[in-house]
Amino acid sequence: MSERVVIIGGDAAGMAAASQARRLKSPGELEIVVFERGHFTSYSACGIPYWVGGDVDGPDALIARTPAEHRARDIDLRLRTEVVEIDVAGRRVRFRGLDTGLEGWIGYDKLVIATGATPIRPVLPGIDADAVHGVQTLDDGQALIDTLESIPGRRAVVVGAGYIGVEMAEALINRGFQVTMINRGAEPMSTLDPDMGALIRKALQGMGVQVIGDTELTAVRTDAQDRVIAVVTADAEYLADVVILGIGVRPATDLARAAGLPLGESGGLLTDLAMRVRGHENIWAGGDCVEVLDLVSGSERHIPLGTHANKHGQIIGSGVGGDYAVFPGVVGTAVSKVCDLEVARTGLREHDARVAGLQFVAVTIESTSRSGYFPGAAPMTVKMLAERRTGRLLGVQIVGREGAGKRIDIAAVALTARLTVDEIVALDLGYAPPFSPVWDPVQVAARKAVTAVRRDVPAGNRPR
């Protein structure tokens, strides 16, 4: 007899799981049913700001595999259908058609939860006005573009200065809007230390964004027709025709919570290394709705990234299909850009290291992307954290022009391998003047970190 797997969510993790399971099991062996509440599947949410800004076409260009392509592989994909209840004991889920209102139950032998994350939307006056947008799905992106093309004014306020907020600010500048960014932190990009975030603020200001730090949104003011006219903070008011929320996201785990499944501190589902929900042999979860192991700090964290979601899906699909694979954890690598400024980070910030109880040294260096004499050499700032006494690498942050961002991959590999800063200095990296100084900037930072670590350790106790 064939088994049935029900998958809740049709984006990266859900459809990767479905595709991998189908590779391993024929339709006669495994029936695959996927419920997706939106209009699209297998798309790049990371590309939405570039679609909004006009850098790429969309939404079709952002779709890796269409619903028709999935269905051609004998995957029963049901769009515009949401799951509203999970009955763990009865091994079934209740679903509802968003356009029809029709409801029903379907049983499962195996269940995959890939419900993603939802933009944080604070409960404030005016927050539900039509021109207030979160940006998480292609439907969200289309709704925002429709608003931008229909409103008469050209004033935009971005609330939050994380990856989405910063990328959306640039997209709106590209569309000719006057942009104000409101951020509760002193500097943008809270995934960086404030000294590195200050470089991002200067870049944003350089392209015309008004950056307001150390403040929070308290209300959205609307007129008699419910049109957005301003945003309100504790001590000021800023005119606006459209508001984009980039405050962050939370795991979309209301269904899981109601079903009694285990959640972590951030609200994300807890899984084992094979991405099975802890305590449930026939339920898997992956993508932005789960917490993952941070290999540097040893703690569980919610890190919503498409790279993780796709890997989770592959691992889940292997498990569902009768094979075996594991997801060992992450080091927290991410890269973005502000205009021509590349921003990258991996591992721990200073705050993270303190919370983890680690003692560390932090060093910052200035270098260039190429040999200084070579045309196009651009400045680059690298910050590195290393554990005191041992010299183990703890984190790296990089801000610079072309060629800076992807250097973070050197640090990501070093973190995964638990290399020390001494070992990073000794790495045999590629060199030619068009690509790097003779000492790569990451290694320059490592050399400085070695000096700082050795300052703390008596000569006879230094790591060998």
Protein backbone atom coordinates (compact mmCIF):
# COMPACT_ATOMS: atom_id res chain seq x y z
CA MET A 1 0.00 0.00 0.00
CA SER A 2 1.17 3.53 -0.74
CA GLU A 3 1.74 6.08 2.01
CA ARG A 4 0.58 9.69 1.99
CA VAL A 5 2.71 12.64 2.99
CA VAL A 6 0.97 15.96 3.58
CA ILE A 7 3.13 19.08 3.27
CA ILE A 8 1.98 22.42 4.69
CA GLY A 9 3.67 25.19 2.71
CA GLY A 10 4.74 25.30 -0.93
CA ASP A 11 7.85 27.44 -0.99
CA ALA A 12 11.52 26.52 -0.54
CA ALA A 13 11.45 23.92 2.23
CA GLY A 14 8.06 22.41 1.36
CA MET A 15 8.59 21.97 -2.36
CA ALA A 16 12.23 20.89 -1.97
CA ALA A 17 10.95 18.18 0.38
CA ALA A 18 8.24 17.18 -2.09
CA SER A 19 10.66 17.04 -5.01
CA GLN A 20 13.27 15.03 -3.13
CA ALA A 21 10.67 12.58 -1.82
CA ARG A 22 9.35 12.09 -5.36
CA ARG A 23 12.86 11.33 -6.61
CA LEU A 24 13.05 8.53 -4.07
CA LYS A 25 9.49 7.18 -4.20
CA SER A 26 7.17 6.62 -7.15
CA PRO A 27 3.53 7.78 -7.09
CA GLY A 28 2.52 4.20 -6.42
CA GLU A 29 4.69 4.14 -3.31
CA LEU A 30 4.11 7.66 -1.98
CA GLU A 31 1.24 10.10 -2.50
CA ILE A 32 2.37 13.70 -2.00
CA VAL A 33 -0.19 16.40 -1.15
CA VAL A 34 0.95 20.01 -0.72
CA PHE A 35 -1.20 22.85 0.64
CA GLU A 36 -0.09 26.39 -0.22
CA ARG A 37 -2.15 29.42 0.75
CA GLY A 38 -0.60 31.71 -1.89
CA HIS A 39 -0.62 31.83 -5.68
CA PHE A 40 3.02 30.78 -6.19
CA THR A 41 5.46 27.98 -5.36
CA SER A 42 9.24 27.58 -5.20
CA TYR A 43 10.07 31.25 -5.47
CA SER A 44 12.88 33.51 -4.28
CA ALA A 45 11.52 35.77 -1.55
CA CYS A 46 15.03 37.25 -1.32
CA GLY A 47 14.54 38.69 -4.79
CA ILE A 48 11.42 40.71 -3.94
CA PRO A 49 13.25 43.98 -3.09
CA TYR A 50 15.10 43.77 -6.43
CA TRP A 51 11.78 43.21 -8.22
CA VAL A 52 10.27 46.21 -6.42
CA GLY A 53 13.31 48.31 -7.30
CA GLY A 54 13.22 47.33 -10.98
CA ASP A 55 16.51 45.40 -11.02
CA VAL A 56 14.78 42.14 -12.00
CA ASP A 57 11.49 41.30 -13.64
CA GLY A 58 8.87 39.55 -11.58
CA PRO A 59 7.16 37.63 -10.39
CA ASP A 60 7.87 34.97 -13.04
CA ALA A 61 11.63 35.59 -12.97
CA LEU A 62 11.69 34.78 -9.25
CA ILE A 63 9.96 31.40 -9.61
CA ALA A 64 12.28 28.40 -9.73
CA ARG A 65 9.56 25.85 -10.52
CA THR A 66 5.93 26.53 -11.40
CA PRO A 67 2.89 24.74 -9.98
CA ALA A 68 2.39 23.05 -13.36
CA GLU A 69 5.94 21.67 -13.25
CA HIS A 70 5.38 20.25 -9.78
CA ARG A 71 2.06 18.70 -10.77
CA ALA A 72 3.70 17.11 -13.81
CA ARG A 73 5.78 15.11 -11.33
CA ASP A 74 2.68 13.68 -9.67
CA ILE A 75 2.64 16.10 -6.75
CA ASP A 76 -0.91 17.01 -5.71
CA LEU A 77 -0.40 20.75 -5.22
CA ARG A 78 -3.37 22.73 -3.93
CA LEU A 79 -2.90 26.49 -4.20
CA ARG A 80 -4.96 29.07 -2.30
CA THR A 81 -5.65 26.44 0.33
CA GLU A 82 -4.62 26.82 3.95
CA VAL A 83 -4.36 24.25 6.69
CA VAL A 84 -6.28 25.47 9.73
CA GLU A 85 -5.79 22.56 12.15
CA ILE A 86 -3.42 19.66 12.78
CA ASP A 87 -4.85 16.63 14.56
CA VAL A 88 -1.69 14.86 15.70
CA ALA A 89 -3.46 11.97 17.43
CA GLY A 90 -5.72 11.33 14.44
CA ARG A 91 -2.95 11.88 11.87
CA ARG A 92 -5.00 14.30 9.81
CA VAL A 93 -5.20 18.01 8.96
CA ARG A 94 -8.17 20.28 8.30
CA PHE A 95 -7.93 22.55 5.26
CA ARG A 96 -9.91 25.46 3.87
CA GLY A 97 -10.08 26.92 0.37
CA LEU A 98 -9.33 30.64 0.62
CA ASP A 99 -11.37 31.47 -2.47
CA THR A 100 -14.19 28.93 -1.99
CA GLY A 101 -14.45 28.69 1.79
CA LEU A 102 -14.85 24.92 1.47
CA GLU A 103 -13.32 22.86 4.28
CA GLY A 104 -12.31 19.25 4.68
CA TRP A 105 -10.05 16.77 6.47
CA ILE A 106 -7.27 14.70 4.94
CA GLY A 107 -5.29 11.98 6.67
CA TYR A 108 -1.54 11.52 6.52
CA ASP A 109 1.06 8.88 7.24
CA LYS A 110 3.77 11.52 7.31
CA LEU A 111 3.46 15.26 7.84
CA VAL A 112 5.84 18.07 6.82
CA ILE A 113 5.40 21.53 8.33
CA ALA A 114 6.98 24.24 6.18
CA THR A 115 4.81 27.20 7.12
CA GLY A 116 7.63 29.75 6.95
CA ALA A 117 7.62 33.02 8.86
CA THR A 118 5.36 36.04 9.02
CA PRO A 119 6.41 39.71 9.12
CA ILE A 120 6.16 41.25 12.57
CA ARG A 121 3.24 43.67 12.54
CA PRO A 122 2.89 45.55 15.83
CA VAL A 123 -0.60 46.29 17.14
CA LEU A 124 -0.72 50.05 16.68
CA PRO A 125 -3.27 52.62 15.50
CA GLY A 126 -3.47 52.71 11.69
CA ILE A 127 -1.22 49.70 11.17
CA ASP A 128 -3.88 47.93 9.06
CA ALA A 129 -4.24 50.73 6.51
CA ASP A 130 -4.03 49.59 2.89
CA ALA A 131 -0.72 51.34 2.23
CA VAL A 132 1.09 49.62 5.12
CA HIS A 133 2.94 46.59 3.76
CA GLY A 134 4.97 43.67 5.04
CA VAL A 135 7.12 41.93 2.43
CA GLN A 136 7.45 38.17 2.80
CA THR A 137 5.79 36.49 -0.20
CA LEU A 138 5.39 37.18 -3.91
CA ASP A 139 1.79 38.13 -3.18
CA ASP A 140 3.12 40.72 -0.72
CA GLY A 141 5.53 42.01 -3.35
CA GLN A 142 2.77 42.38 -5.95
CA ALA A 143 0.51 44.15 -3.44
CA LEU A 144 3.29 46.63 -2.63
CA ILE A 145 4.01 47.33 -6.29
CA ASP A 146 0.30 47.91 -6.91
CA THR A 147 0.30 50.46 -4.08
CA LEU A 148 3.45 52.21 -5.29
CA GLU A 149 1.97 52.55 -8.78
CA SER A 150 -1.40 53.85 -7.57
CA ILE A 151 -0.67 56.34 -4.78
CA PRO A 152 -0.26 59.99 -5.85
CA GLY A 153 2.52 60.84 -3.37
CA ARG A 154 6.20 59.87 -3.39
CA ARG A 155 7.00 59.72 0.32
CA ALA A 156 7.86 56.35 1.84
CA VAL A 157 8.72 55.36 5.39
CA VAL A 158 10.57 52.11 6.05
CA VAL A 159 10.17 50.85 9.60
CA GLY A 160 13.14 48.71 10.61
CA ALA A 161 16.69 48.63 9.28
CA GLY A 162 17.48 44.94 8.91
CA TYR A 163 18.15 43.20 5.60
CA ILE A 164 14.64 43.72 4.23
CA GLY A 165 14.41 47.30 5.46
CA VAL A 166 17.75 48.30 3.96
CA GLU A 167 17.07 46.55 0.65
CA MET A 168 13.58 48.05 0.44
CA ALA A 169 14.94 51.54 1.13
CA GLU A 170 17.25 51.22 -1.86
CA ALA A 171 14.43 49.81 -4.02
CA LEU A 172 12.23 52.78 -3.17
CA ILE A 173 15.02 55.26 -3.91
CA ASN A 174 15.38 53.56 -7.31
CA ARG A 175 11.65 54.16 -7.90
CA GLY A 176 12.03 57.86 -7.17
CA PHE A 177 10.57 57.95 -3.67
CA GLN A 178 11.73 60.13 -0.79
CA VAL A 179 12.63 57.59 1.89
CA THR A 180 12.73 57.90 5.66
CA MET A 181 13.96 54.94 7.70
CA ILE A 182 12.93 54.53 11.34
CA ASN A 183 14.98 52.15 13.43
CA ARG A 184 14.74 51.25 17.11
CA GLY A 185 18.52 50.65 17.28
CA ALA A 186 21.16 53.32 17.15
CA GLU A 187 22.51 51.98 13.85
CA PRO A 188 21.07 49.95 10.95
CA MET A 189 21.63 46.20 10.54
CA SER A 190 21.39 44.84 14.06
CA THR A 191 23.01 41.62 12.81
CA LEU A 192 26.24 43.65 12.79
CA ASP A 193 27.96 45.32 15.70
CA PRO A 194 27.07 49.04 15.95
CA ASP A 195 30.50 50.20 14.78
CA MET A 196 29.98 48.28 11.53
CA GLY A 197 26.33 49.33 11.31
CA ALA A 198 27.49 52.96 11.29
CA LEU A 199 29.09 52.30 7.89
CA ILE A 200 25.69 51.18 6.58
CA ARG A 201 24.01 54.33 7.95
CA LYS A 202 26.51 56.51 6.10
CA ALA A 203 25.88 54.60 2.86
CA LEU A 204 22.11 54.96 3.24
CA GLN A 205 22.44 58.67 3.93
CA GLY A 206 24.74 58.96 0.92
CA MET A 207 22.00 57.75 -1.40
CA GLY A 208 19.41 60.09 0.11
CA VAL A 209 17.73 58.04 2.85
CA GLN A 210 16.85 59.94 6.03
CA VAL A 211 17.88 57.53 8.82
CA ILE A 212 16.26 58.03 12.23
CA GLY A 213 17.76 55.81 14.94
CA ASP A 214 16.86 55.12 18.56
CA THR A 215 13.16 55.52 17.91
CA GLU A 216 10.07 53.36 17.49
CA LEU A 217 6.86 53.57 15.54
CA THR A 218 3.86 54.38 17.77
CA ALA A 219 1.12 54.93 15.17
CA VAL A 220 0.30 55.31 11.50
CA ARG A 221 -1.83 58.39 10.88
CA THR A 222 -4.52 58.20 8.20
CA ASP A 223 -7.03 60.64 6.75
CA ALA A 224 -10.81 60.35 6.53
CA GLN A 225 -10.45 58.00 3.51
CA ASP A 226 -8.07 55.72 5.49
CA ARG A 227 -5.13 56.80 3.36
CA VAL A 228 -1.72 56.91 5.02
CA ILE A 229 -0.50 60.46 5.58
CA ALA A 230 2.21 60.09 8.27
CA VAL A 231 3.91 57.86 10.78
CA VAL A 232 4.20 58.84 14.43
CA THR A 233 7.04 58.15 16.88
CA ALA A 234 7.39 59.15 20.52
CA ASP A 235 8.84 62.55 19.66
CA ALA A 236 8.17 63.27 15.99
CA GLU A 237 5.94 62.74 12.97
CA TYR A 238 7.09 61.92 9.43
CA LEU A 239 4.97 62.43 6.33
CA ALA A 240 4.29 59.26 4.38
CA ASP A 241 2.20 57.94 1.50
CA VAL A 242 3.30 54.32 1.94
CA VAL A 243 4.83 52.41 4.85
CA ILE A 244 6.95 49.26 4.56
CA LEU A 245 7.46 47.14 7.66
CA GLY A 246 10.93 45.64 7.90
CA ILE A 247 10.87 45.00 11.63
CA GLY A 248 11.65 41.33 11.23
CA VAL A 249 9.75 38.08 11.09
CA ARG A 250 8.53 35.47 13.53
CA PRO A 251 8.13 31.74 12.90
CA ALA A 252 4.64 30.96 11.56
CA THR A 253 3.93 28.27 14.12
CA ASP A 254 0.43 29.04 15.40
CA LEU A 255 -0.79 25.75 13.90
CA ALA A 256 2.04 23.83 15.54
CA ARG A 257 1.49 25.52 18.88
CA ALA A 258 -2.22 24.69 18.81
CA ALA A 259 -1.33 21.06 18.01
CA GLY A 260 0.97 20.86 21.04
CA LEU A 261 4.22 20.48 19.09
CA PRO A 262 7.47 21.57 20.80
CA LEU A 263 8.62 25.15 20.25
CA GLY A 264 11.79 26.97 21.23
CA GLU A 265 12.33 30.38 22.81
CA SER A 266 11.77 32.25 19.54
CA GLY A 267 8.60 30.27 18.81
CA GLY A 268 10.23 28.09 16.15
CA LEU A 269 9.65 24.35 15.99
CA LEU A 270 12.31 22.16 17.56
CA THR A 271 13.65 19.29 15.47
CA ASP A 272 16.33 16.63 15.62
CA LEU A 273 19.26 16.48 13.20
CA ALA A 274 17.10 14.71 10.60
CA MET A 275 14.57 17.60 10.83
CA ARG A 276 11.94 15.45 12.55
CA VAL A 277 9.91 17.35 15.12
CA ARG A 278 11.19 16.26 18.50
CA GLY A 279 9.10 13.47 19.99
CA HIS A 280 7.22 12.78 16.73
CA GLU A 281 8.61 10.13 14.39
CA ASN A 282 6.19 10.89 11.55
CA ILE A 283 6.33 14.73 11.56
CA TRP A 284 9.10 16.82 10.01
CA ALA A 285 9.56 20.59 9.90
CA GLY A 286 11.92 22.92 8.06
CA GLY A 287 12.51 26.40 6.72
CA ASP A 288 11.71 29.66 8.46
CA CYS A 289 9.35 28.00 10.96
CA VAL A 290 12.09 26.09 12.82
CA GLU A 291 14.98 26.86 15.14
CA VAL A 292 18.43 25.61 14.18
CA LEU A 293 21.61 24.81 16.07
CA ASP A 294 24.20 27.60 16.06
CA LEU A 295 27.49 25.73 15.71
CA VAL A 296 29.48 28.59 17.23
CA SER A 297 27.47 29.35 20.38
CA GLY A 298 25.85 25.93 20.78
CA SER A 299 22.38 27.46 21.23
CA GLU A 300 19.15 27.09 19.24
CA ARG A 301 18.36 30.14 17.09
CA HIS A 302 15.77 31.29 14.58
CA ILE A 303 17.69 32.23 11.42
CA PRO A 304 15.24 32.58 8.51
CA LEU A 305 17.23 32.23 5.29
CA GLY A 306 16.45 30.61 1.95
CA THR A 307 19.76 28.73 1.97
CA HIS A 308 18.75 26.87 5.12
CA ALA A 309 15.20 26.27 3.91
CA ASN A 310 16.33 24.56 0.72
CA LYS A 311 18.74 22.34 2.63
CA HIS A 312 16.05 21.47 5.17
CA GLY A 313 13.73 20.46 2.34
CA GLN A 314 16.31 18.15 0.82
CA ILE A 315 16.92 16.48 4.18
CA ILE A 316 13.21 16.17 4.97
CA GLY A 317 12.47 14.76 1.53
CA SER A 318 15.17 12.14 2.07
CA GLY A 319 13.63 11.13 5.38
CA VAL A 320 10.11 11.03 4.01
CA GLY A 321 11.35 9.02 1.03
CA GLY A 322 12.99 6.39 3.20
CA ASP A 323 16.58 7.62 2.89
CA TYR A 324 18.70 9.33 5.54
CA ALA A 325 20.31 12.75 5.85
CA VAL A 326 21.01 15.25 8.62
CA PHE A 327 21.31 19.02 9.04
CA PRO A 328 24.17 19.63 11.47
CA GLY A 329 23.55 23.34 12.08
CA VAL A 330 24.60 26.79 10.88
CA VAL A 331 27.13 29.50 11.61
CA GLY A 332 24.81 32.38 10.70
CA THR A 333 26.21 33.55 7.37
CA ALA A 334 24.41 36.29 5.46
CA VAL A 335 25.27 38.81 2.75
CA SER A 336 23.46 41.84 1.37
CA LYS A 337 24.16 45.17 -0.30
CA VAL A 338 23.33 48.85 0.00
CA CYS A 339 23.77 50.50 -3.38
CA ASP A 340 27.34 49.41 -4.26
CA LEU A 341 28.28 48.65 -0.64
CA GLU A 342 28.47 44.93 0.16
CA VAL A 343 27.60 43.80 3.69
CA ALA A 344 28.39 40.34 5.07
CA ARG A 345 28.52 38.60 8.40
CA THR A 346 28.96 35.16 9.94
CA GLY A 347 29.28 33.78 13.44
CA LEU A 348 28.80 35.85 16.58
CA ARG A 349 28.57 39.57 17.22
CA GLU A 350 30.09 40.96 20.40
CA HIS A 351 26.66 40.84 22.09
CA ASP A 352 26.15 37.20 21.03
CA ALA A 353 29.54 36.20 22.42
CA ARG A 354 28.78 37.84 25.76
CA VAL A 355 25.39 36.13 26.00
CA ALA A 356 27.08 32.79 25.26
CA GLY A 357 29.50 33.44 28.14
CA LEU A 358 32.55 33.58 25.87
CA GLN A 359 35.58 35.74 26.49
CA PHE A 360 36.89 37.22 23.27
CA VAL A 361 39.06 39.76 21.52
CA ALA A 362 37.69 41.96 18.73
CA VAL A 363 39.82 43.58 16.04
CA THR A 364 39.01 45.75 13.02
CA ILE A 365 41.19 46.37 9.98
CA GLU A 366 41.00 48.44 6.81
CA SER A 367 42.15 46.88 3.55
CA THR A 368 41.28 46.81 -0.14
CA SER A 369 39.50 44.38 -2.44
CA ARG A 370 42.50 44.21 -4.83
CA SER A 371 46.13 45.13 -4.66
CA GLY A 372 46.23 48.83 -3.83
CA TYR A 373 47.95 49.74 -7.11
CA PHE A 374 45.49 47.79 -9.27
CA PRO A 375 42.66 49.74 -10.98
CA GLY A 376 39.36 49.34 -9.16
CA ALA A 377 40.82 48.59 -5.74
CA ALA A 378 38.13 49.56 -3.23
CA PRO A 379 38.26 49.98 0.55
CA MET A 380 37.06 47.18 2.81
CA THR A 381 36.50 47.00 6.57
CA VAL A 382 36.81 43.62 8.30
CA LYS A 383 35.93 42.99 11.94
CA MET A 384 36.90 39.70 13.56
CA LEU A 385 36.14 38.10 16.93
CA ALA A 386 38.30 35.35 18.41
CA GLU A 387 38.09 33.47 21.69
CA ARG A 388 40.60 34.51 24.31
CA ARG A 389 43.39 32.05 25.04
CA THR A 390 42.36 29.47 22.40
CA GLY A 391 42.22 31.82 19.42
CA ARG A 392 39.15 30.00 18.02
CA LEU A 393 37.39 32.13 15.42
CA LEU A 394 34.00 33.35 16.70
CA GLY A 395 32.73 35.76 14.06
CA VAL A 396 33.51 38.03 11.11
CA GLN A 397 31.79 41.09 9.66
CA ILE A 398 32.76 42.68 6.34
CA VAL A 399 31.66 45.94 4.76
CA GLY A 400 33.14 47.09 1.45
CA ARG A 401 32.71 47.56 -2.27
CA GLU A 402 32.86 45.00 -5.09
CA GLY A 403 34.59 41.82 -4.05
CA ALA A 404 34.00 42.27 -0.31
CA GLY A 405 30.81 40.35 0.39
CA LYS A 406 31.65 36.84 -0.76
CA ARG A 407 34.88 36.88 1.23
CA ILE A 408 32.65 36.02 4.16
CA ASP A 409 32.62 32.45 2.84
CA ILE A 410 36.24 32.03 3.93
CA ALA A 411 35.17 32.84 7.47
CA ALA A 412 32.07 30.63 7.25
CA VAL A 413 34.19 27.61 6.33
CA ALA A 414 36.70 28.48 9.06
CA LEU A 415 33.91 28.68 11.66
CA THR A 416 32.43 25.37 10.56
CA ALA A 417 35.85 23.74 10.80
CA ARG A 418 36.47 25.44 14.18
CA LEU A 419 39.73 26.96 12.94
CA THR A 420 41.81 29.29 15.07
CA VAL A 421 42.97 32.66 13.83
CA ASP A 422 46.50 31.23 13.58
CA GLU A 423 45.18 28.57 11.20
CA ILE A 424 43.34 31.19 9.13
CA VAL A 425 46.58 33.14 8.71
CA ALA A 426 48.17 29.95 7.35
CA LEU A 427 45.41 29.21 4.80
CA ASP A 428 46.65 28.91 1.21
CA LEU A 429 44.25 31.34 -0.47
CA GLY A 430 44.36 32.39 -4.10
CA TYR A 431 46.22 35.60 -4.94
CA ALA A 432 46.63 37.83 -7.96
CA PRO A 433 46.54 41.65 -7.99
CA PRO A 434 43.11 41.86 -9.75
CA PHE A 435 41.52 39.77 -6.98
CA SER A 436 43.25 40.51 -3.70
CA PRO A 437 46.19 42.11 -1.94
CA VAL A 438 49.01 39.65 -1.29
CA TRP A 439 47.49 39.22 2.19
CA ASP A 440 43.75 38.73 1.83
CA PRO A 441 41.77 41.15 4.07
CA VAL A 442 40.36 38.23 6.09
CA GLN A 443 43.89 37.05 6.80
CA VAL A 444 44.99 40.59 7.68
CA ALA A 445 42.24 40.64 10.31
CA ALA A 446 43.31 37.18 11.49
CA ARG A 447 46.92 38.37 11.90
CA LYS A 448 45.73 41.24 14.07
CA ALA A 449 43.54 38.84 16.08
CA VAL A 450 46.51 36.51 16.61
CA THR A 451 48.44 39.42 18.13
CA ALA A 452 45.50 40.29 20.40
CA VAL A 453 45.08 36.68 21.53
CA ARG A 454 48.79 36.20 22.23
CA ARG A 455 48.80 39.35 24.32
CA ASP A 456 46.50 37.50 26.74
CA VAL A 457 48.30 34.17 26.85
CA PRO A 458 51.66 33.43 28.47
CA ALA A 459 54.15 32.11 25.93
CA GLY A 460 54.22 28.58 27.39
CA ASN A 461 50.43 28.21 27.19
CA ARG A 462 49.79 29.34 23.63
CA PRO A 463 47.87 26.96 21.33
CA ARG A 464 50.05 24.98 18.99
